[in-house]
Amino acid sequence: MSASHRRTVIGGALAITLGLTGVACGDSDEGTPANGLEKSDITLGTMTVADTTPVQIAIDKGLFKAEGLDVKTQVIQGGAAGIPLLKSGRLDFSFGNYVSLFTAGVKDPGFKPKIVAEGFQSASKTHTLMVRKDSPYRTVQDLKGKKIGVNTRRNISTLLVRAAAKPVNVEFDEDENFVEIPPPNMEQSLKSESVEAVQAIEPFGTQMEQSMGARMVADLSSGPTADFPIAGYAATEKFIKENPKTTAAFQRALQKAQGMAADRKLVQDTLPTFAKGIDSKVASTMSYGTFPTTLSATRLQRVADLMHEFAYVEKEIDVKQFIADSAA
């Protein structure tokens, strides 16, 4: 064989080899990523609050990347805001409070949310009822009939307030007593006296205490709602069925980050890096809840039972129907 003929044969073989390599390692006709996941580019709905710090930890530490995921975050105002985005497919996963997820799952036959991981559980002073420094109101009873700012009506915010008020025989009406205010705007609402109190989540409670001397009249993370499950991460049933490997990869990365969040120093150092307006002083003095690394149906059933007690839903809910099989 001549030298020129050998070069032709080798060149042809190399071209075939490269072509086969492209088929083996590149995307398939269906668009399956090379890493074996059904989908690598993920959009996650999240909030700029302490509750979602593990998401930022997972990004910073490369935990999502290690699982083959490229996670893009989209800030949402609350769990209820994430639901239409999940339904439409604009979000693949979303952080959201359980009240929003359970309510939508029960009342909207076209929406089947599945919780893939728990996100946040309350602890002392993570959820409080706060008033102005010079306010005459000092107890939940004093606020009977008054306007209270909450993130969203008929949701976790109002449920916590009503649960705290029931033992002292005070009832609040969802429409007459609660005013929807985004958490970052609650301080101004107190200052302007458009409301008499606000249901504050951290770090906004600590911020208001330090900046305007706001006072706590009730710790909503105590008594019947002590160590209360607040929020988790969910996807639609359809997404999970179509993307089981992607879902499992997301769960593994997040579970590692949730475990790392047991280190308070790591959480307080991470929070100011993604939560606008939260400085190191607030982060170091605010109250923190816990970040569960397992998903417990028994724990989440507490939320469903309280929702039924206060007529957020007509019938009792078995939360197992809202838990992804891979998370059970």
C-alpha atoms as a PDB file:
ATOM      1  CA  MET A   1       0.000   0.000   0.000  1.00  0.00           C
ATOM      2  CA  SER A   2       1.383   3.383  -0.938  1.00  0.00           C
ATOM      3  CA  ALA A   3       1.940   6.081   1.661  1.00  0.00           C
ATOM      4  CA  SER A   4      -0.765   8.261   0.095  1.00  0.00           C
ATOM      5  CA  HIS A   5      -3.261   5.375   0.128  1.00  0.00           C
ATOM      6  CA  ARG A   6      -2.472   4.642   3.798  1.00  0.00           C
ATOM      7  CA  ARG A   7      -3.118   8.300   4.634  1.00  0.00           C
ATOM      8  CA  THR A   8      -6.482   8.123   2.859  1.00  0.00           C
ATOM      9  CA  VAL A   9      -7.541   4.981   4.740  1.00  0.00           C
ATOM     10  CA  ILE A  10      -6.423   6.338   8.121  1.00  0.00           C
ATOM     11  CA  GLY A  11      -8.138   9.650   7.453  1.00  0.00           C
ATOM     12  CA  GLY A  12     -11.378   7.882   6.570  1.00  0.00           C
ATOM     13  CA  ALA A  13     -11.195   5.678   9.659  1.00  0.00           C
ATOM     14  CA  LEU A  14     -10.562   8.724  11.835  1.00  0.00           C
ATOM     15  CA  ALA A  15     -13.571  10.499  10.348  1.00  0.00           C
ATOM     16  CA  ILE A  16     -15.777   7.472  11.050  1.00  0.00           C
ATOM     17  CA  THR A  17     -14.441   7.246  14.610  1.00  0.00           C
ATOM     18  CA  LEU A  18     -15.131  10.928  15.268  1.00  0.00           C
ATOM     19  CA  GLY A  19     -18.605  10.547  13.808  1.00  0.00           C
ATOM     20  CA  LEU A  20     -19.362   7.588  16.082  1.00  0.00           C
ATOM     21  CA  THR A  21     -17.985   9.491  19.056  1.00  0.00           C
ATOM     22  CA  GLY A  22     -20.353  12.362  18.283  1.00  0.00           C
ATOM     23  CA  VAL A  23     -23.294   9.967  18.270  1.00  0.00           C
ATOM     24  CA  ALA A  24     -22.238   8.313  21.523  1.00  0.00           C
ATOM     25  CA  CYS A  25     -21.399  11.464  23.484  1.00  0.00           C
ATOM     26  CA  GLY A  26     -23.576  14.164  21.952  1.00  0.00           C
ATOM     27  CA  ASP A  27     -27.270  14.783  22.253  1.00  0.00           C
ATOM     28  CA  SER A  28     -29.609  12.127  20.913  1.00  0.00           C
ATOM     29  CA  ASP A  29     -32.437  12.843  18.488  1.00  0.00           C
ATOM     30  CA  GLU A  30     -34.682  13.386  21.520  1.00  0.00           C
ATOM     31  CA  GLY A  31     -32.304  15.948  22.999  1.00  0.00           C
ATOM     32  CA  THR A  32     -31.111  13.753  25.878  1.00  0.00           C
ATOM     33  CA  PRO A  33     -27.977  15.289  27.455  1.00  0.00           C
ATOM     34  CA  ALA A  34     -24.673  13.432  27.238  1.00  0.00           C
ATOM     35  CA  ASN A  35     -24.617  12.870  31.014  1.00  0.00           C
ATOM     36  CA  GLY A  36     -27.564  10.466  30.891  1.00  0.00           C
ATOM     37  CA  LEU A  37     -30.075  12.832  32.473  1.00  0.00           C
ATOM     38  CA  GLU A  38     -33.293  13.525  30.631  1.00  0.00           C
ATOM     39  CA  LYS A  39     -32.711  17.243  31.107  1.00  0.00           C
ATOM     40  CA  SER A  40     -29.642  19.148  32.310  1.00  0.00           C
ATOM     41  CA  ASP A  41     -30.789  22.774  32.135  1.00  0.00           C
ATOM     42  CA  ILE A  42     -33.119  23.345  35.074  1.00  0.00           C
ATOM     43  CA  THR A  43     -35.089  26.437  36.095  1.00  0.00           C
ATOM     44  CA  LEU A  44     -35.789  26.643  39.826  1.00  0.00           C
ATOM     45  CA  GLY A  45     -38.210  29.053  41.462  1.00  0.00           C
ATOM     46  CA  THR A  46     -36.755  30.399  44.685  1.00  0.00           C
ATOM     47  CA  MET A  47     -36.990  33.261  47.178  1.00  0.00           C
ATOM     48  CA  THR A  48     -34.319  35.561  48.603  1.00  0.00           C
ATOM     49  CA  VAL A  49     -34.905  34.476  52.199  1.00  0.00           C
ATOM     50  CA  ALA A  50     -32.949  32.376  54.678  1.00  0.00           C
ATOM     51  CA  ASP A  51     -35.189  29.388  53.953  1.00  0.00           C
ATOM     52  CA  THR A  52     -33.612  28.900  50.522  1.00  0.00           C
ATOM     53  CA  THR A  53     -29.957  29.297  51.528  1.00  0.00           C
ATOM     54  CA  PRO A  54     -29.226  25.630  50.691  1.00  0.00           C
ATOM     55  CA  VAL A  55     -29.969  26.398  47.035  1.00  0.00           C
ATOM     56  CA  GLN A  56     -27.215  29.003  46.992  1.00  0.00           C
ATOM     57  CA  ILE A  57     -24.903  26.629  48.859  1.00  0.00           C
ATOM     58  CA  ALA A  58     -25.545  23.957  46.223  1.00  0.00           C
ATOM     59  CA  ILE A  59     -24.686  26.476  43.503  1.00  0.00           C
ATOM     60  CA  ASP A  60     -21.606  27.836  45.254  1.00  0.00           C
ATOM     61  CA  LYS A  61     -20.228  24.408  46.149  1.00  0.00           C
ATOM     62  CA  GLY A  62     -20.878  22.971  42.685  1.00  0.00           C
ATOM     63  CA  LEU A  63     -23.278  20.342  44.020  1.00  0.00           C
ATOM     64  CA  PHE A  64     -25.727  20.762  41.147  1.00  0.00           C
ATOM     65  CA  LYS A  65     -22.869  20.763  38.631  1.00  0.00           C
ATOM     66  CA  ALA A  66     -21.514  17.546  40.129  1.00  0.00           C
ATOM     67  CA  GLU A  67     -24.865  15.916  39.358  1.00  0.00           C
ATOM     68  CA  GLY A  68     -24.797  17.157  35.769  1.00  0.00           C
ATOM     69  CA  LEU A  69     -27.299  19.955  36.348  1.00  0.00           C
ATOM     70  CA  ASP A  70     -27.089  23.555  35.195  1.00  0.00           C
ATOM     71  CA  VAL A  71     -29.534  25.295  37.531  1.00  0.00           C
ATOM     72  CA  LYS A  72     -30.904  28.729  36.742  1.00  0.00           C
ATOM     73  CA  THR A  73     -32.840  30.385  39.558  1.00  0.00           C
ATOM     74  CA  GLN A  74     -35.888  32.609  39.146  1.00  0.00           C
ATOM     75  CA  VAL A  75     -36.982  34.702  42.109  1.00  0.00           C
ATOM     76  CA  ILE A  76     -40.678  34.418  42.992  1.00  0.00           C
ATOM     77  CA  GLN A  77     -42.617  36.384  45.614  1.00  0.00           C
ATOM     78  CA  GLY A  78     -44.032  33.321  47.334  1.00  0.00           C
ATOM     79  CA  GLY A  79     -45.169  29.752  46.956  1.00  0.00           C
ATOM     80  CA  ALA A  80     -48.476  30.740  45.384  1.00  0.00           C
ATOM     81  CA  ALA A  81     -46.639  32.692  42.686  1.00  0.00           C
ATOM     82  CA  GLY A  82     -44.649  29.635  41.708  1.00  0.00           C
ATOM     83  CA  ILE A  83     -47.659  27.411  41.037  1.00  0.00           C
ATOM     84  CA  PRO A  84     -48.769  28.861  37.661  1.00  0.00           C
ATOM     85  CA  LEU A  85     -45.128  28.851  36.577  1.00  0.00           C
ATOM     86  CA  LEU A  86     -44.839  25.153  37.444  1.00  0.00           C
ATOM     87  CA  LYS A  87     -48.087  24.380  35.638  1.00  0.00           C
ATOM     88  CA  SER A  88     -46.956  26.159  32.483  1.00  0.00           C
ATOM     89  CA  GLY A  89     -43.525  24.526  32.505  1.00  0.00           C
ATOM     90  CA  ARG A  90     -41.677  27.808  32.949  1.00  0.00           C
ATOM     91  CA  LEU A  91     -40.310  26.372  36.177  1.00  0.00           C
ATOM     92  CA  ASP A  92     -39.080  22.794  36.497  1.00  0.00           C
ATOM     93  CA  PHE A  93     -38.890  22.878  40.293  1.00  0.00           C
ATOM     94  CA  SER A  94     -40.099  25.509  42.727  1.00  0.00           C
ATOM     95  CA  PHE A  95     -39.669  26.348  46.376  1.00  0.00           C
ATOM     96  CA  GLY A  96     -43.049  26.877  47.978  1.00  0.00           C
ATOM     97  CA  ASN A  97     -44.899  26.700  51.246  1.00  0.00           C
ATOM     98  CA  TYR A  98     -46.935  23.574  51.828  1.00  0.00           C
ATOM     99  CA  VAL A  99     -50.223  25.432  52.274  1.00  0.00           C
ATOM    100  CA  SER A 100     -49.977  26.778  48.713  1.00  0.00           C
ATOM    101  CA  LEU A 101     -49.033  23.401  47.287  1.00  0.00           C
ATOM    102  CA  PHE A 102     -51.702  21.409  49.126  1.00  0.00           C
ATOM    103  CA  THR A 103     -54.418  23.976  48.395  1.00  0.00           C
ATOM    104  CA  ALA A 104     -53.639  24.048  44.687  1.00  0.00           C
ATOM    105  CA  GLY A 105     -53.380  20.272  44.528  1.00  0.00           C
ATOM    106  CA  VAL A 106     -56.814  19.859  46.095  1.00  0.00           C
ATOM    107  CA  LYS A 107     -58.678  22.666  44.356  1.00  0.00           C
ATOM    108  CA  ASP A 108     -57.113  22.575  40.878  1.00  0.00           C
ATOM    109  CA  PRO A 109     -57.787  19.243  39.118  1.00  0.00           C
ATOM    110  CA  GLY A 110     -55.299  20.146  36.400  1.00  0.00           C
ATOM    111  CA  PHE A 111     -52.384  20.551  38.805  1.00  0.00           C
ATOM    112  CA  LYS A 112     -50.657  17.612  40.464  1.00  0.00           C
ATOM    113  CA  PRO A 113     -47.758  18.893  42.588  1.00  0.00           C
ATOM    114  CA  LYS A 114     -45.263  16.425  43.995  1.00  0.00           C
ATOM    115  CA  ILE A 115     -42.885  17.396  46.785  1.00  0.00           C
ATOM    116  CA  VAL A 116     -39.374  16.158  46.036  1.00  0.00           C
ATOM    117  CA  ALA A 117     -37.645  17.529  49.145  1.00  0.00           C
ATOM    118  CA  GLU A 118     -38.427  19.353  52.367  1.00  0.00           C
ATOM    119  CA  GLY A 119     -36.896  22.789  52.489  1.00  0.00           C
ATOM    120  CA  PHE A 120     -37.421  24.574  55.779  1.00  0.00           C
ATOM    121  CA  GLN A 121     -38.819  23.974  59.256  1.00  0.00           C
ATOM    122  CA  SER A 122     -39.541  26.778  61.709  1.00  0.00           C
ATOM    123  CA  ALA A 123     -37.741  27.445  64.963  1.00  0.00           C
ATOM    124  CA  SER A 124     -38.117  30.061  67.664  1.00  0.00           C
ATOM    125  CA  LYS A 125     -38.681  33.559  66.210  1.00  0.00           C
ATOM    126  CA  THR A 126     -38.351  32.588  62.549  1.00  0.00           C
ATOM    127  CA  HIS A 127     -42.003  33.629  62.091  1.00  0.00           C
ATOM    128  CA  THR A 128     -43.290  36.432  64.275  1.00  0.00           C
ATOM    129  CA  LEU A 129     -46.093  38.939  64.684  1.00  0.00           C
ATOM    130  CA  MET A 130     -44.559  42.409  64.953  1.00  0.00           C
ATOM    131  CA  VAL A 131     -45.797  45.938  65.711  1.00  0.00           C
ATOM    132  CA  ARG A 132     -44.279  49.418  65.814  1.00  0.00           C
ATOM    133  CA  LYS A 133     -42.092  50.415  68.739  1.00  0.00           C
ATOM    134  CA  ASP A 134     -44.691  52.894  69.999  1.00  0.00           C
ATOM    135  CA  SER A 135     -47.666  50.636  69.303  1.00  0.00           C
ATOM    136  CA  PRO A 136     -50.184  50.240  72.157  1.00  0.00           C
ATOM    137  CA  TYR A 137     -50.676  46.599  71.180  1.00  0.00           C
ATOM    138  CA  ARG A 138     -48.730  43.997  73.127  1.00  0.00           C
ATOM    139  CA  THR A 139     -50.566  40.709  72.657  1.00  0.00           C
ATOM    140  CA  VAL A 140     -52.444  38.813  69.973  1.00  0.00           C
ATOM    141  CA  GLN A 141     -55.674  39.643  71.831  1.00  0.00           C
ATOM    142  CA  ASP A 142     -54.925  43.361  71.425  1.00  0.00           C
ATOM    143  CA  LEU A 143     -54.894  42.929  67.636  1.00  0.00           C
ATOM    144  CA  LYS A 144     -58.446  41.625  67.428  1.00  0.00           C
ATOM    145  CA  GLY A 145     -60.190  43.406  64.553  1.00  0.00           C
ATOM    146  CA  LYS A 146     -56.997  45.155  63.404  1.00  0.00           C
ATOM    147  CA  LYS A 147     -55.217  45.077  60.048  1.00  0.00           C
ATOM    148  CA  ILE A 148     -52.266  42.687  59.819  1.00  0.00           C
ATOM    149  CA  GLY A 149     -49.821  42.578  56.913  1.00  0.00           C
ATOM    150  CA  VAL A 150     -49.101  39.129  55.494  1.00  0.00           C
ATOM    151  CA  ASN A 151     -47.307  37.882  52.408  1.00  0.00           C
ATOM    152  CA  THR A 152     -50.394  36.092  51.069  1.00  0.00           C
ATOM    153  CA  ARG A 153     -53.919  35.485  52.358  1.00  0.00           C
ATOM    154  CA  ARG A 154     -55.193  31.928  52.955  1.00  0.00           C
ATOM    155  CA  ASN A 155     -51.629  30.767  53.169  1.00  0.00           C
ATOM    156  CA  ILE A 156     -48.906  29.812  55.624  1.00  0.00           C
ATOM    157  CA  SER A 157     -48.690  33.401  56.931  1.00  0.00           C
ATOM    158  CA  THR A 158     -52.343  33.660  57.907  1.00  0.00           C
ATOM    159  CA  LEU A 159     -52.489  30.054  59.077  1.00  0.00           C
ATOM    160  CA  LEU A 160     -49.720  30.699  61.626  1.00  0.00           C
ATOM    161  CA  VAL A 161     -51.426  33.859  62.896  1.00  0.00           C
ATOM    162  CA  ARG A 162     -54.806  32.170  63.248  1.00  0.00           C
ATOM    163  CA  ALA A 163     -53.268  29.140  64.964  1.00  0.00           C
ATOM    164  CA  ALA A 164     -51.610  31.441  67.514  1.00  0.00           C
ATOM    165  CA  ALA A 165     -54.833  33.348  68.106  1.00  0.00           C
ATOM    166  CA  LYS A 166     -57.166  30.394  68.623  1.00  0.00           C
ATOM    167  CA  PRO A 167     -55.885  29.393  72.118  1.00  0.00           C
ATOM    168  CA  VAL A 168     -56.710  32.916  73.352  1.00  0.00           C
ATOM    169  CA  ASN A 169     -60.163  32.881  71.704  1.00  0.00           C
ATOM    170  CA  VAL A 170     -59.371  35.408  68.997  1.00  0.00           C
ATOM    171  CA  GLU A 171     -60.482  34.908  65.412  1.00  0.00           C
ATOM    172  CA  PHE A 172     -59.182  36.751  62.365  1.00  0.00           C
ATOM    173  CA  ASP A 173     -61.058  37.070  59.085  1.00  0.00           C
ATOM    174  CA  GLU A 174     -58.962  36.334  56.011  1.00  0.00           C
ATOM    175  CA  ASP A 175     -60.380  39.239  53.995  1.00  0.00           C
ATOM    176  CA  GLU A 176     -61.172  41.829  56.650  1.00  0.00           C
ATOM    177  CA  ASN A 177     -58.084  41.518  58.862  1.00  0.00           C
ATOM    178  CA  PHE A 178     -55.259  40.504  56.537  1.00  0.00           C
ATOM    179  CA  VAL A 179     -53.560  42.791  54.000  1.00  0.00           C
ATOM    180  CA  GLU A 180     -51.194  41.321  51.414  1.00  0.00           C
ATOM    181  CA  ILE A 181     -47.756  42.962  51.527  1.00  0.00           C
ATOM    182  CA  PRO A 182     -44.482  41.618  50.069  1.00  0.00           C
ATOM    183  CA  PRO A 183     -42.072  40.935  52.979  1.00  0.00           C
ATOM    184  CA  PRO A 184     -39.528  43.585  51.873  1.00  0.00           C
ATOM    185  CA  ASN A 185     -42.289  46.241  52.028  1.00  0.00           C
ATOM    186  CA  MET A 186     -43.608  45.382  55.483  1.00  0.00           C
ATOM    187  CA  GLU A 187     -41.323  47.796  57.311  1.00  0.00           C
ATOM    188  CA  GLN A 188     -42.644  50.734  55.316  1.00  0.00           C
ATOM    189  CA  SER A 189     -46.217  49.562  55.877  1.00  0.00           C
ATOM    190  CA  LEU A 190     -45.648  49.605  59.640  1.00  0.00           C
ATOM    191  CA  LYS A 191     -44.038  53.042  59.463  1.00  0.00           C
ATOM    192  CA  SER A 192     -46.895  54.474  57.411  1.00  0.00           C
ATOM    193  CA  GLU A 193     -49.415  52.895  59.802  1.00  0.00           C
ATOM    194  CA  SER A 194     -51.333  51.319  56.936  1.00  0.00           C
ATOM    195  CA  VAL A 195     -51.365  48.170  59.103  1.00  0.00           C
ATOM    196  CA  GLU A 196     -51.078  47.699  62.857  1.00  0.00           C
ATOM    197  CA  ALA A 197     -48.940  44.560  62.711  1.00  0.00           C
ATOM    198  CA  VAL A 198     -47.121  42.333  60.234  1.00  0.00           C
ATOM    199  CA  GLN A 199     -46.439  38.632  60.070  1.00  0.00           C
ATOM    200  CA  ALA A 200     -42.686  38.780  59.586  1.00  0.00           C
ATOM    201  CA  ILE A 201     -40.361  36.064  58.362  1.00  0.00           C
ATOM    202  CA  GLU A 202     -36.628  36.173  58.804  1.00  0.00           C
ATOM    203  CA  PRO A 203     -34.527  38.079  58.008  1.00  0.00           C
ATOM    204  CA  PHE A 204     -37.146  40.837  57.706  1.00  0.00           C
ATOM    205  CA  GLY A 205     -38.207  40.543  61.344  1.00  0.00           C
ATOM    206  CA  THR A 206     -34.669  41.152  62.574  1.00  0.00           C
ATOM    207  CA  GLN A 207     -34.212  43.964  60.047  1.00  0.00           C
ATOM    208  CA  MET A 208     -37.302  45.790  61.328  1.00  0.00           C
ATOM    209  CA  GLU A 209     -36.229  45.299  64.922  1.00  0.00           C
ATOM    210  CA  GLN A 210     -32.807  46.814  64.243  1.00  0.00           C
ATOM    211  CA  SER A 211     -33.848  49.616  61.889  1.00  0.00           C
ATOM    212  CA  MET A 212     -37.095  50.889  63.450  1.00  0.00           C
ATOM    213  CA  GLY A 213     -37.308  49.209  66.838  1.00  0.00           C
ATOM    214  CA  ALA A 214     -40.250  47.001  65.858  1.00  0.00           C
ATOM    215  CA  ARG A 215     -41.526  44.778  68.704  1.00  0.00           C
ATOM    216  CA  MET A 216     -42.570  41.149  68.654  1.00  0.00           C
ATOM    217  CA  VAL A 217     -45.991  40.477  70.166  1.00  0.00           C
ATOM    218  CA  ALA A 218     -46.077  36.769  69.332  1.00  0.00           C
ATOM    219  CA  ASP A 219     -43.625  34.067  68.348  1.00  0.00           C
ATOM    220  CA  LEU A 220     -45.586  32.114  65.731  1.00  0.00           C
ATOM    221  CA  SER A 221     -43.052  29.292  65.827  1.00  0.00           C
ATOM    222  CA  SER A 222     -44.109  28.129  69.257  1.00  0.00           C
ATOM    223  CA  GLY A 223     -47.000  26.315  70.896  1.00  0.00           C
ATOM    224  CA  PRO A 224     -49.158  24.443  68.350  1.00  0.00           C
ATOM    225  CA  THR A 225     -46.856  25.463  65.506  1.00  0.00           C
ATOM    226  CA  ALA A 226     -43.465  24.839  67.129  1.00  0.00           C
ATOM    227  CA  ASP A 227     -40.964  23.245  64.723  1.00  0.00           C
ATOM    228  CA  PHE A 228     -43.592  23.596  62.019  1.00  0.00           C
ATOM    229  CA  PRO A 229     -42.910  22.440  58.438  1.00  0.00           C
ATOM    230  CA  ILE A 230     -42.962  25.590  56.327  1.00  0.00           C
ATOM    231  CA  ALA A 231     -41.886  24.914  52.760  1.00  0.00           C
ATOM    232  CA  GLY A 232     -40.294  22.496  50.359  1.00  0.00           C
ATOM    233  CA  TYR A 233     -39.362  21.931  46.737  1.00  0.00           C
ATOM    234  CA  ALA A 234     -41.898  20.593  44.263  1.00  0.00           C
ATOM    235  CA  ALA A 235     -42.356  19.655  40.639  1.00  0.00           C
ATOM    236  CA  THR A 236     -45.363  18.504  38.670  1.00  0.00           C
ATOM    237  CA  GLU A 237     -46.226  14.824  38.506  1.00  0.00           C
ATOM    238  CA  LYS A 238     -45.790  15.010  34.726  1.00  0.00           C
ATOM    239  CA  PHE A 239     -42.268  16.457  34.977  1.00  0.00           C
ATOM    240  CA  ILE A 240     -41.142  13.784  37.442  1.00  0.00           C
ATOM    241  CA  LYS A 241     -42.520  10.941  35.311  1.00  0.00           C
ATOM    242  CA  GLU A 242     -40.772  12.301  32.230  1.00  0.00           C
ATOM    243  CA  ASN A 243     -37.526  13.191  34.037  1.00  0.00           C
ATOM    244  CA  PRO A 244     -36.886  10.641  36.831  1.00  0.00           C
ATOM    245  CA  LYS A 245     -33.069  10.776  36.557  1.00  0.00           C
ATOM    246  CA  THR A 246     -33.043  14.558  36.504  1.00  0.00           C
ATOM    247  CA  THR A 247     -35.330  14.650  39.541  1.00  0.00           C
ATOM    248  CA  ALA A 248     -33.106  12.207  41.429  1.00  0.00           C
ATOM    249  CA  ALA A 249     -30.015  14.267  40.596  1.00  0.00           C
ATOM    250  CA  PHE A 250     -31.723  17.429  41.866  1.00  0.00           C
ATOM    251  CA  GLN A 251     -32.724  15.651  45.075  1.00  0.00           C
ATOM    252  CA  ARG A 252     -29.201  14.351  45.726  1.00  0.00           C
ATOM    253  CA  ALA A 253     -27.598  17.760  45.264  1.00  0.00           C
ATOM    254  CA  LEU A 254     -30.164  19.537  47.401  1.00  0.00           C
ATOM    255  CA  GLN A 255     -29.998  16.932  50.157  1.00  0.00           C
ATOM    256  CA  LYS A 256     -26.232  17.465  50.410  1.00  0.00           C
ATOM    257  CA  ALA A 257     -26.740  21.225  50.593  1.00  0.00           C
ATOM    258  CA  GLN A 258     -29.453  20.872  53.243  1.00  0.00           C
ATOM    259  CA  GLY A 259     -27.017  18.828  55.326  1.00  0.00           C
ATOM    260  CA  MET A 260     -24.297  21.446  54.921  1.00  0.00           C
ATOM    261  CA  ALA A 261     -26.777  24.107  56.087  1.00  0.00           C
ATOM    262  CA  ALA A 262     -26.600  22.599  59.579  1.00  0.00           C
ATOM    263  CA  ASP A 263     -23.473  24.762  59.842  1.00  0.00           C
ATOM    264  CA  ARG A 264     -24.956  28.089  60.948  1.00  0.00           C
ATOM    265  CA  LYS A 265     -21.765  29.976  60.081  1.00  0.00           C
ATOM    266  CA  LEU A 266     -22.005  28.775  56.490  1.00  0.00           C
ATOM    267  CA  VAL A 267     -25.655  29.840  56.274  1.00  0.00           C
ATOM    268  CA  GLN A 268     -25.078  33.305  57.732  1.00  0.00           C
ATOM    269  CA  ASP A 269     -22.078  33.866  55.461  1.00  0.00           C
ATOM    270  CA  THR A 270     -24.019  32.729  52.383  1.00  0.00           C
ATOM    271  CA  LEU A 271     -27.265  34.625  52.983  1.00  0.00           C
ATOM    272  CA  PRO A 272     -25.936  38.169  52.272  1.00  0.00           C
ATOM    273  CA  THR A 273     -24.490  36.964  48.948  1.00  0.00           C
ATOM    274  CA  PHE A 274     -27.896  36.349  47.366  1.00  0.00           C
ATOM    275  CA  ALA A 275     -30.478  38.143  49.540  1.00  0.00           C
ATOM    276  CA  LYS A 276     -30.517  41.792  48.537  1.00  0.00           C
ATOM    277  CA  GLY A 277     -30.362  44.160  51.497  1.00  0.00           C
ATOM    278  CA  ILE A 278     -29.321  41.509  54.012  1.00  0.00           C
ATOM    279  CA  ASP A 279     -26.000  42.505  55.510  1.00  0.00           C
ATOM    280  CA  SER A 280     -23.659  40.490  57.699  1.00  0.00           C
ATOM    281  CA  LYS A 281     -24.980  42.133  60.883  1.00  0.00           C
ATOM    282  CA  VAL A 282     -28.535  40.975  60.254  1.00  0.00           C
ATOM    283  CA  ALA A 283     -27.375  37.563  59.082  1.00  0.00           C
ATOM    284  CA  SER A 284     -25.344  37.024  62.243  1.00  0.00           C
ATOM    285  CA  THR A 285     -28.113  38.028  64.672  1.00  0.00           C
ATOM    286  CA  MET A 286     -31.308  36.748  63.037  1.00  0.00           C
ATOM    287  CA  SER A 287     -33.137  33.556  63.970  1.00  0.00           C
ATOM    288  CA  TYR A 288     -32.702  30.425  61.871  1.00  0.00           C
ATOM    289  CA  GLY A 289     -34.872  27.381  61.448  1.00  0.00           C
ATOM    290  CA  THR A 290     -33.725  23.949  60.332  1.00  0.00           C
ATOM    291  CA  PHE A 291     -33.162  22.417  56.910  1.00  0.00           C
ATOM    292  CA  PRO A 292     -34.443  18.813  56.875  1.00  0.00           C
ATOM    293  CA  THR A 293     -32.406  16.254  54.945  1.00  0.00           C
ATOM    294  CA  THR A 294     -35.248  13.734  54.821  1.00  0.00           C
ATOM    295  CA  LEU A 295     -38.881  13.982  53.817  1.00  0.00           C
ATOM    296  CA  SER A 296     -41.421  12.912  56.445  1.00  0.00           C
ATOM    297  CA  ALA A 297     -45.095  12.420  55.603  1.00  0.00           C
ATOM    298  CA  THR A 298     -45.862  12.409  59.323  1.00  0.00           C
ATOM    299  CA  ARG A 299     -44.246  15.830  59.697  1.00  0.00           C
ATOM    300  CA  LEU A 300     -46.042  17.310  56.687  1.00  0.00           C
ATOM    301  CA  GLN A 301     -49.383  15.908  57.839  1.00  0.00           C
ATOM    302  CA  ARG A 302     -49.335  18.531  60.612  1.00  0.00           C
ATOM    303  CA  VAL A 303     -49.749  21.221  57.960  1.00  0.00           C
ATOM    304  CA  ALA A 304     -52.638  19.458  56.239  1.00  0.00           C
ATOM    305  CA  ASP A 305     -54.440  18.844  59.517  1.00  0.00           C
ATOM    306  CA  LEU A 306     -54.170  22.494  60.543  1.00  0.00           C
ATOM    307  CA  MET A 307     -55.415  23.579  57.117  1.00  0.00           C
ATOM    308  CA  HIS A 308     -58.505  21.430  57.574  1.00  0.00           C
ATOM    309  CA  GLU A 309     -59.044  22.747  61.098  1.00  0.00           C
ATOM    310  CA  PHE A 310     -59.194  26.323  59.792  1.00  0.00           C
ATOM    311  CA  ALA A 311     -61.241  25.402  56.690  1.00  0.00           C
ATOM    312  CA  TYR A 312     -58.550  26.151  54.123  1.00  0.00           C
ATOM    313  CA  VAL A 313     -59.722  22.892  52.554  1.00  0.00           C
ATOM    314  CA  GLU A 314     -63.106  21.199  52.881  1.00  0.00           C
ATOM    315  CA  LYS A 315     -61.887  17.641  53.329  1.00  0.00           C
ATOM    316  CA  GLU A 316     -59.002  16.087  55.217  1.00  0.00           C
ATOM    317  CA  ILE A 317     -55.827  15.695  53.166  1.00  0.00           C
ATOM    318  CA  ASP A 318     -53.549  12.669  53.069  1.00  0.00           C
ATOM    319  CA  VAL A 319     -50.214  14.315  52.254  1.00  0.00           C
ATOM    320  CA  LYS A 320     -48.763  11.085  50.856  1.00  0.00           C
ATOM    321  CA  GLN A 321     -50.551  11.843  47.577  1.00  0.00           C
ATOM    322  CA  PHE A 322     -48.382  14.955  47.228  1.00  0.00           C
ATOM    323  CA  ILE A 323     -45.023  13.308  47.886  1.00  0.00           C
ATOM    324  CA  ALA A 324     -42.889  12.102  44.994  1.00  0.00           C
ATOM    325  CA  ASP A 325     -42.194   8.364  45.111  1.00  0.00           C
ATOM    326  CA  SER A 326     -38.461   8.998  44.920  1.00  0.00           C
ATOM    327  CA  ALA A 327     -38.680  11.178  48.040  1.00  0.00           C
ATOM    328  CA  ALA A 328     -40.812   8.838  50.160  1.00  0.00           C
END
